[in-house]
Amino acid sequence: MKPAPRPQGREAIKAWHRQKIIDATIDVITTHGIAGTTVARVVDLAEVSMGLVNVHFRSKQALLSEVLQQMADRYRTHWRSRLDAAPSEPGARLMALLLADLDPEVLNLKTLGVWFAFRAQVRAKPEYLELAGMREREQMRETIELLSAINRATGKRHDPATLARLLAWTIEGLWAEYYLYPGDFDRDRAIASIDLLLDSVYPGYYEPL
């Protein structure tokens, strides 16, 4: 991705440098993983000085934490925007929420590579779990509420929390398949698998996509 042009004004330039460092760190993590991410590599890729990195981030850990926070914020903004744009009917909203995880903005090697890199560190860095965990609480709560509404509409009595976990595990499996075998991954088949799962739980409620 082409970097944003240098802006005008002191505060704007400060923010631009900060973002440039974060973006470079994401690229370094994608290539070298967390353990191989050094400030020297970030400095080289971002084309900034070591002193400038130290001005914005007091340590490598602070920089990594900011990267993870920004990734989590982008992810939340993405799925929330898809949900907000969906029709009011709960089935359509649930499908929009699930398919948001298969959009190219999420389903790409860089984004998943960074997520998986941070997840691999949660035993040593438990503080990463809140942001790099399988699903954030807000998203899971939305899923459970939508499933509860679909239960009421269909007369089913499925446990919404259990079903929400099943859907989350399905998405996680699709993410892993894409990351390991990107050349063989078929997004249409992935969508069909979600459609099949929902149709098996709520027969006749969902029409095939």
Foldseek 3Di string as FASTA:
>chain_A
DDQDDQDDDDVSNLVSLLVLLLVLQLVQCLVPFPVRRDLVSSCVSSVHDPVSVCVVAVDPVRSLVVSLVVLLVVLVVQLVVQLVPFDPQLVRSLLSSLCSCVDPVNQDSSNLSSLVSLVVCCVVVVVSCQRSPLDHPVSLVSQLVSVVVVCVVQVHDDRSSVVSVVSSVLSVVLSVCCNVCVVPRDSLVSSQVVVVVVCVRRPPPDDGD
